[in-house]
Protein backbone atom coordinates (compact mmCIF):
# COMPACT_ATOMS: atom_id res chain seq x y z
CA GLN A 1 -14.24 -11.91 -7.45
CA VAL A 2 -11.82 -9.33 -8.02
CA HIS A 3 -10.08 -7.86 -5.09
CA PHE A 4 -6.79 -7.76 -3.44
CA VAL A 5 -5.41 -9.90 -0.46
CA GLU A 6 -3.25 -8.31 1.85
CA SER A 7 -1.08 -10.25 4.68
CA GLY A 8 2.17 -9.54 6.24
CA GLY A 9 0.76 -7.42 9.40
CA ASP A 10 1.68 -8.04 12.80
CA SER A 11 2.28 -6.70 16.49
CA VAL A 12 5.81 -5.12 16.48
CA GLN A 13 8.08 -2.82 18.66
CA SER A 14 8.93 0.63 17.73
CA GLY A 15 11.95 0.48 15.41
CA ASP A 16 11.13 -2.81 13.84
CA SER A 17 10.52 -3.66 10.41
CA LEU A 18 7.53 -5.49 8.59
CA ARG A 19 6.65 -6.48 4.79
CA LEU A 20 3.31 -6.37 3.72
CA SER A 21 2.09 -8.00 0.53
CA CYS A 22 -0.92 -7.69 -1.42
CA ALA A 23 -1.97 -10.46 -3.91
CA ALA A 24 -4.37 -9.65 -6.88
CA SER A 25 -7.18 -12.34 -6.75
CA GLY A 26 -9.21 -12.67 -10.08
CA PHE A 27 -7.35 -10.13 -12.24
CA PHE A 28 -3.73 -9.18 -13.57
CA LEU A 29 -1.83 -6.10 -11.92
CA ASP A 30 -0.63 -4.99 -15.52
CA HIS A 31 -1.58 -1.54 -16.63
CA TYR A 32 -2.72 -0.21 -13.29
CA ALA A 33 -0.97 1.97 -10.88
CA ILE A 34 -1.06 0.52 -7.46
CA GLY A 35 -1.58 2.17 -4.18
CA TRP A 36 -0.96 1.47 -0.34
CA PHE A 37 -3.48 3.07 1.98
CA ARG A 38 -4.05 2.69 5.89
CA GLN A 39 -6.78 3.74 7.93
CA ALA A 40 -6.23 4.41 11.85
CA PRO A 41 -9.23 3.85 14.27
CA GLY A 42 -11.57 7.26 13.93
CA GLU A 43 -9.30 8.68 11.26
CA GLU A 44 -9.78 8.97 7.41
CA ARG A 45 -8.18 6.68 4.79
CA GLU A 46 -4.77 7.84 3.66
CA GLY A 47 -2.57 7.02 0.91
CA VAL A 48 1.02 6.37 1.53
CA ALA A 49 2.73 4.74 -1.48
CA CYS A 50 1.90 4.39 -5.03
CA VAL A 51 3.69 2.35 -7.73
CA SER A 52 3.29 2.86 -11.43
CA TYR A 53 2.85 0.04 -13.82
CA SER A 54 5.19 0.79 -16.67
CA ASP A 55 8.39 2.63 -15.09
CA ARG A 56 7.83 1.59 -11.56
CA SER A 57 7.84 5.11 -10.39
CA THR A 58 7.06 5.78 -6.94
CA TYR A 59 5.49 8.04 -4.80
CA TYR A 60 5.42 8.00 -0.85
CA SER A 61 3.60 10.64 1.79
CA ASP A 62 5.61 12.65 3.65
CA SER A 63 4.75 10.52 7.05
CA VAL A 64 6.73 7.57 5.58
CA LYS A 65 9.22 8.86 3.12
CA GLY A 66 12.49 7.43 3.88
CA ARG A 67 11.05 4.21 5.72
CA PHE A 68 8.63 2.77 3.43
CA THR A 69 9.76 1.55 -0.07
CA VAL A 70 6.88 0.17 -2.14
CA SER A 71 7.90 -2.57 -5.01
CA ARG A 72 5.64 -4.83 -7.48
CA ASP A 73 6.13 -7.97 -8.96
CA ASN A 74 3.96 -8.16 -11.86
CA ALA A 75 4.68 -12.05 -12.78
CA LYS A 76 3.73 -12.82 -9.17
CA ASN A 77 0.78 -10.49 -9.62
CA THR A 78 2.06 -8.93 -6.02
CA VAL A 79 2.58 -5.51 -4.52
CA TYR A 80 4.66 -5.21 -1.75
CA LEU A 81 5.29 -2.36 1.07
CA GLN A 82 8.75 -2.65 3.06
CA MET A 83 7.81 -0.65 6.40
CA ASN A 84 11.28 -0.14 8.25
CA SER A 85 11.74 2.04 11.18
CA LEU A 86 8.07 1.80 12.40
CA LYS A 87 6.48 4.08 14.85
CA PRO A 88 3.47 4.12 17.05
CA ALA A 89 1.65 6.50 14.64
CA ASP A 90 1.98 3.75 11.97
CA THR A 91 -0.72 1.55 13.85
CA ALA A 92 -3.16 1.15 11.13
CA VAL A 93 -5.30 -1.47 8.90
CA TYR A 94 -3.23 -1.18 5.86
CA TYR A 95 -5.06 -2.02 2.29
CA CYS A 96 -3.95 -1.74 -1.32
CA ALA A 97 -6.05 -0.95 -4.37
CA ALA A 98 -5.47 -0.39 -8.04
CA ASN A 99 -6.11 2.72 -9.54
CA THR A 100 -8.64 1.78 -12.25
CA MET A 101 -7.97 5.26 -13.99
CA ARG A 102 -4.33 5.44 -14.18
CA SER A 103 -1.07 3.22 -14.96
CA ARG A 104 1.00 6.02 -13.46
CA CYS A 105 0.97 7.34 -9.88
CA ALA A 106 -0.12 11.00 -10.63
CA ALA A 107 2.38 13.27 -9.82
CA GLU A 108 0.04 16.34 -8.46
CA ALA A 109 -1.91 13.66 -6.46
CA PRO A 110 -0.85 9.93 -6.73
CA THR A 111 -3.36 8.36 -4.20
CA ARG A 112 -6.96 10.32 -4.90
CA ILE A 113 -9.10 7.40 -3.33
CA TYR A 114 -11.68 7.94 -5.87
CA GLU A 115 -9.31 6.38 -8.48
CA PHE A 116 -8.65 3.36 -6.75
CA ASP A 117 -10.67 0.21 -6.55
CA TYR A 118 -10.36 -3.63 -6.07
CA TRP A 119 -10.00 -3.19 -2.06
CA GLY A 120 -9.05 -6.04 0.20
CA GLN A 121 -9.91 -6.72 3.56
CA GLY A 122 -6.70 -5.25 4.90
CA THR A 123 -3.87 -6.42 7.38
CA GLN A 124 -3.48 -4.56 10.63
CA VAL A 125 -0.07 -3.22 11.89
CA THR A 126 0.11 -2.65 15.52
CA VAL A 127 3.50 -0.38 16.48
CA SER A 128 4.15 -0.35 20.26
CA SER A 129 6.70 1.72 22.03
């Protein structure tokens, strides 16, 4: 079965940091751009970050820019999301997925959900004020 396995979610206080991991299972990350998404209760899933395969270029949504950092280790078949200065508004289930149509994050719309596949079960991040 081809999917991601997310981990690292926790309940933390406002201002704390977390590092999420996303391990590929049943396939290799090579040649895929990888996106991080989140979904809060009652909200639509939104893309927060993307990292390209070849040049490791990155994209961040305005809501996380300057606080979150996405990285990838192709040798370990794993992608990471370092989250600093967490806010209650960051509370959500976080998912990663592979862009099966691109190896590089699209500049105009890097997290179009229909381009992504191999979703995992997600990991819960809860930030208390």
